[in-house]
């Protein structure tokens, strides 16, 4: 079966800074894969490379279409949803307006407003509030849900629990479980190993801009050498 996403020999750069070095990975439809590693190894850059936000060389194919050379909005229109680490919301629009902006026009979707409000009841309570007045956790909920409203075939999520209170972290973990139950295709960057290992079918560990380990969560749990060398502080 052909992968829905395939990166081959991808190099990525910020100016003269060479971050990704011959990165190669595949993602099958309907699976959740976590990219693990210490800060600065290229996990977030991988997502930005896929979205066309950094200078990239090599090949990135999504549904057998080459993405390198396309603009970010064109890549999004191909069916990729991206939840960045900085929680981009439209601060002067209400929660509900932000969510409706994520909808695909005149196309049936697997997701609706009711789904979002069921997952995060707090968003329903705050639906008439301008997004700029939300807490950081509420903005993260909103960004996650707005991306789903676009009904992407692949959703890429960068550090969704970073800086959140434990109660909100639990809610984000439940959101990820719902994505798994609905067989969404997810590429996840997440620092909390307990969440990544619980939600993923496969995990990839990055080091120095390339993949140094690939396997199941159980295989990583049983590989003390990889964890010590590439994950533990």
Protein backbone atom coordinates (compact mmCIF):
# COMPACT_ATOMS: atom_id res chain seq x y z
CA UNK A 1 0.00 0.00 0.00
CA UNK A 2 1.32 3.41 -0.97
CA UNK A 3 2.01 5.78 1.94
CA UNK A 4 -0.16 8.89 2.21
CA UNK A 5 2.96 10.91 3.07
CA UNK A 6 6.53 10.15 2.03
CA UNK A 7 9.68 12.17 2.65
CA UNK A 8 12.83 11.11 0.80
CA UNK A 9 16.30 12.54 1.44
CA UNK A 10 14.89 15.83 2.72
CA UNK A 11 17.27 18.62 3.71
CA UNK A 12 15.94 21.82 5.26
CA UNK A 13 17.62 25.13 6.00
CA UNK A 14 17.09 28.35 7.93
CA UNK A 15 19.37 30.61 5.94
CA UNK A 16 22.80 28.97 6.19
CA UNK A 17 21.74 26.77 9.10
CA UNK A 18 21.33 23.17 7.89
CA UNK A 19 18.68 21.50 10.12
CA UNK A 20 17.35 18.37 8.36
CA UNK A 21 19.91 15.99 6.89
CA UNK A 22 18.59 13.46 4.38
CA UNK A 23 15.39 12.87 6.37
CA UNK A 24 13.35 9.92 5.11
CA UNK A 25 10.03 8.78 6.56
CA UNK A 26 6.66 7.38 5.55
CA UNK A 27 3.17 7.68 7.01
CA UNK A 28 0.34 5.30 6.14
CA UNK A 29 -3.27 6.40 5.95
CA UNK A 30 -5.10 6.02 9.25
CA UNK A 31 -2.05 5.75 11.51
CA UNK A 32 -0.71 8.03 14.20
CA UNK A 33 3.06 8.50 14.21
CA UNK A 34 4.94 10.49 16.85
CA UNK A 35 8.19 12.30 16.15
CA UNK A 36 10.28 12.19 19.32
CA UNK A 37 13.60 13.69 20.29
CA UNK A 38 15.26 16.42 22.29
CA UNK A 39 14.69 20.09 21.54
CA UNK A 40 16.54 21.33 18.47
CA UNK A 41 16.83 18.03 16.59
CA UNK A 42 14.46 19.05 13.78
CA UNK A 43 11.02 17.78 14.75
CA UNK A 44 9.18 21.10 14.32
CA UNK A 45 11.29 21.86 11.25
CA UNK A 46 10.03 18.61 9.70
CA UNK A 47 6.44 19.84 9.96
CA UNK A 48 7.40 23.26 8.61
CA UNK A 49 9.23 21.62 5.70
CA UNK A 50 6.11 19.64 4.81
CA UNK A 51 4.08 22.88 4.91
CA UNK A 52 6.56 24.73 2.70
CA UNK A 53 7.61 27.16 5.41
CA UNK A 54 11.38 26.59 5.21
CA UNK A 55 13.81 26.18 2.33
CA UNK A 56 13.71 22.46 1.54
CA UNK A 57 15.44 20.09 -0.87
CA UNK A 58 14.65 16.47 -1.68
CA UNK A 59 11.16 15.07 -2.13
CA UNK A 60 7.98 15.37 -0.06
CA UNK A 61 5.00 13.57 -1.58
CA UNK A 62 1.45 13.68 -0.19
CA UNK A 63 -1.14 11.44 -1.83
CA UNK A 64 1.48 10.96 -4.57
CA UNK A 65 1.72 14.69 -5.25
CA UNK A 66 5.04 16.52 -4.89
CA UNK A 67 4.80 19.32 -2.33
CA UNK A 68 8.22 20.92 -2.60
CA UNK A 69 7.85 24.10 -4.62
CA UNK A 70 4.22 24.64 -3.63
CA UNK A 71 3.03 27.51 -1.46
CA UNK A 72 1.76 26.86 2.06
CA UNK A 73 -1.88 27.59 1.19
CA UNK A 74 -1.68 25.20 -1.77
CA UNK A 75 -0.30 22.48 0.49
CA UNK A 76 -3.13 23.07 2.95
CA UNK A 77 -5.63 22.79 0.10
CA UNK A 78 -4.19 19.35 -0.72
CA UNK A 79 -5.66 18.13 2.58
CA UNK A 80 -3.02 18.77 5.25
CA UNK A 81 -4.03 20.41 8.52
CA UNK A 82 -1.27 21.99 10.61
CA UNK A 83 -1.48 22.93 14.28
CA UNK A 84 1.63 25.03 15.00
CA UNK A 85 3.26 25.34 18.39
CA UNK A 86 2.41 29.04 18.69
CA UNK A 87 -1.40 28.55 18.71
CA UNK A 88 -2.35 30.91 15.90
CA UNK A 89 -5.87 32.24 16.44
CA UNK A 90 -7.69 35.26 15.04
CA UNK A 91 -7.79 37.32 18.24
CA UNK A 92 -10.57 39.76 17.31
CA UNK A 93 -12.95 37.01 16.10
CA UNK A 94 -15.09 34.96 18.46
CA UNK A 95 -14.44 31.31 19.21
CA UNK A 96 -17.27 30.26 16.92
CA UNK A 97 -16.13 32.55 14.10
CA UNK A 98 -12.63 31.05 14.35
CA UNK A 99 -14.09 27.55 14.09
CA UNK A 100 -16.31 28.40 11.13
CA UNK A 101 -13.33 29.91 9.31
CA UNK A 102 -11.79 26.45 9.32
CA UNK A 103 -14.67 24.89 7.39
CA UNK A 104 -14.30 23.77 3.81
CA UNK A 105 -16.75 25.65 1.64
CA UNK A 106 -19.67 23.67 0.20
CA UNK A 107 -18.09 20.31 0.99
CA UNK A 108 -19.38 17.62 3.36
CA UNK A 109 -17.13 17.16 6.39
CA UNK A 110 -16.49 14.41 8.93
CA UNK A 111 -16.42 17.11 11.62
CA UNK A 112 -18.91 19.76 12.72
CA UNK A 113 -19.31 22.41 15.42
CA UNK A 114 -21.14 19.93 17.66
CA UNK A 115 -18.12 17.61 17.56
CA UNK A 116 -15.84 20.42 18.66
CA UNK A 117 -18.11 21.47 21.51
CA UNK A 118 -18.52 17.86 22.65
CA UNK A 119 -14.74 17.39 22.78
CA UNK A 120 -14.12 20.70 24.53
CA UNK A 121 -17.25 21.94 26.36
CA UNK A 122 -15.28 24.99 27.48
CA UNK A 123 -15.25 26.21 23.87
CA UNK A 124 -19.04 26.05 23.80
CA UNK A 125 -19.19 28.12 26.97
CA UNK A 126 -16.83 30.67 25.41
CA UNK A 127 -18.19 30.54 21.85
CA UNK A 128 -19.13 34.26 21.82
CA UNK A 129 -15.81 35.38 23.37
CA UNK A 130 -13.09 36.94 21.24
CA UNK A 131 -10.22 34.48 20.87
CA UNK A 132 -7.69 37.02 22.09
CA UNK A 133 -9.27 36.90 25.54
CA UNK A 134 -8.92 33.11 25.89
CA UNK A 135 -6.35 31.47 28.14
CA UNK A 136 -3.42 29.65 26.55
CA UNK A 137 -5.14 26.30 27.08
CA UNK A 138 -8.38 27.53 25.55
CA UNK A 139 -6.49 28.90 22.54
CA UNK A 140 -4.84 25.50 22.10
CA UNK A 141 -8.24 23.79 22.15
CA UNK A 142 -9.50 26.31 19.58
CA UNK A 143 -6.53 25.82 17.25
CA UNK A 144 -6.85 22.03 17.40
CA UNK A 145 -10.56 22.19 16.65
CA UNK A 146 -10.35 24.83 13.92
CA UNK A 147 -7.86 22.62 12.06
CA UNK A 148 -10.23 19.65 12.27
CA UNK A 149 -13.09 21.75 10.89
CA UNK A 150 -11.19 21.81 7.60
CA UNK A 151 -11.58 18.00 7.45
CA UNK A 152 -7.91 17.29 6.62
CA UNK A 153 -6.70 13.92 5.37
CA UNK A 154 -3.55 14.42 7.46
CA UNK A 155 -3.25 16.52 10.60
CA UNK A 156 0.17 17.57 11.90
CA UNK A 157 0.29 18.72 15.52
CA UNK A 158 3.30 20.44 17.08
CA UNK A 159 3.69 20.21 20.89
CA UNK A 160 -0.03 20.43 21.75
CA UNK A 161 0.50 20.12 25.52
CA UNK A 162 3.43 22.55 25.84
CA UNK A 163 2.93 24.89 28.79
CA UNK A 164 -0.59 23.69 29.62
CA UNK A 165 -2.04 22.93 33.03
CA UNK A 166 -2.41 19.19 33.85
CA UNK A 167 -6.21 19.29 33.47
CA UNK A 168 -5.92 20.76 29.97
CA UNK A 169 -3.22 18.22 29.10
CA UNK A 170 -5.71 15.47 29.95
CA UNK A 171 -8.29 17.05 27.63
CA UNK A 172 -5.78 17.27 24.78
CA UNK A 173 -4.90 13.60 25.34
CA UNK A 174 -8.60 12.73 25.04
CA UNK A 175 -8.79 14.74 21.80
CA UNK A 176 -5.90 12.67 20.41
CA UNK A 177 -7.68 9.46 21.43
CA UNK A 178 -10.76 10.58 19.49
CA UNK A 179 -8.58 11.14 16.40
CA UNK A 180 -7.27 7.60 16.79
CA UNK A 181 -10.78 6.17 17.19
CA UNK A 182 -11.85 7.93 13.99
CA UNK A 183 -8.76 6.56 12.20
CA UNK A 184 -7.34 9.99 11.41
CA UNK A 185 -3.83 10.18 9.98
CA UNK A 186 -1.70 12.15 12.44
CA UNK A 187 1.94 13.23 12.58
CA UNK A 188 2.51 14.31 16.18
CA UNK A 189 5.38 16.16 17.82
CA UNK A 190 4.96 15.77 21.58
CA UNK A 191 7.47 16.01 24.41
CA UNK A 192 5.41 14.00 26.90
CA UNK A 193 6.38 10.38 26.24
CA UNK A 194 3.42 8.94 28.11
CA UNK A 195 1.00 10.61 25.68
CA UNK A 196 3.02 9.82 22.56
CA UNK A 197 3.48 6.16 23.41
CA UNK A 198 -0.17 5.71 24.42
CA UNK A 199 -1.63 7.24 21.26
CA UNK A 200 0.78 6.18 18.47
CA UNK A 201 1.00 3.07 16.32
CA UNK A 202 4.61 3.95 15.47
CA UNK A 203 7.23 6.27 16.88
CA UNK A 204 10.28 7.80 15.26
CA UNK A 205 13.15 9.26 17.23
CA UNK A 206 15.08 12.11 15.65
CA UNK A 207 18.67 13.09 16.28
CA UNK A 208 20.83 15.61 14.39
CA UNK A 209 18.14 16.17 11.75
CA UNK A 210 17.46 12.56 10.77
CA UNK A 211 15.68 9.44 12.04
CA UNK A 212 17.80 7.38 14.46
CA UNK A 213 15.06 4.94 15.56
CA UNK A 214 11.75 3.73 14.17
CA UNK A 215 9.46 1.16 15.74
CA UNK A 216 6.41 0.51 17.87
CA UNK A 217 5.89 2.15 21.27
CA UNK A 218 6.68 -1.18 22.93
CA UNK A 219 9.93 -1.50 21.01
CA UNK A 220 10.98 1.95 22.22
CA UNK A 221 9.98 1.16 25.80
CA UNK A 222 12.24 -1.91 25.64
CA UNK A 223 15.21 -0.10 24.06
CA UNK A 224 16.99 1.54 26.97
CA UNK A 225 20.00 2.46 24.81
CA UNK A 226 17.95 4.57 22.38
CA UNK A 227 16.02 6.25 25.18
CA UNK A 228 19.21 7.09 27.10
CA UNK A 229 21.15 8.33 24.07
CA UNK A 230 18.44 10.28 22.24
CA UNK A 231 15.58 11.09 24.63
CA UNK A 232 16.55 11.30 28.27
CA UNK A 233 18.00 14.50 29.67
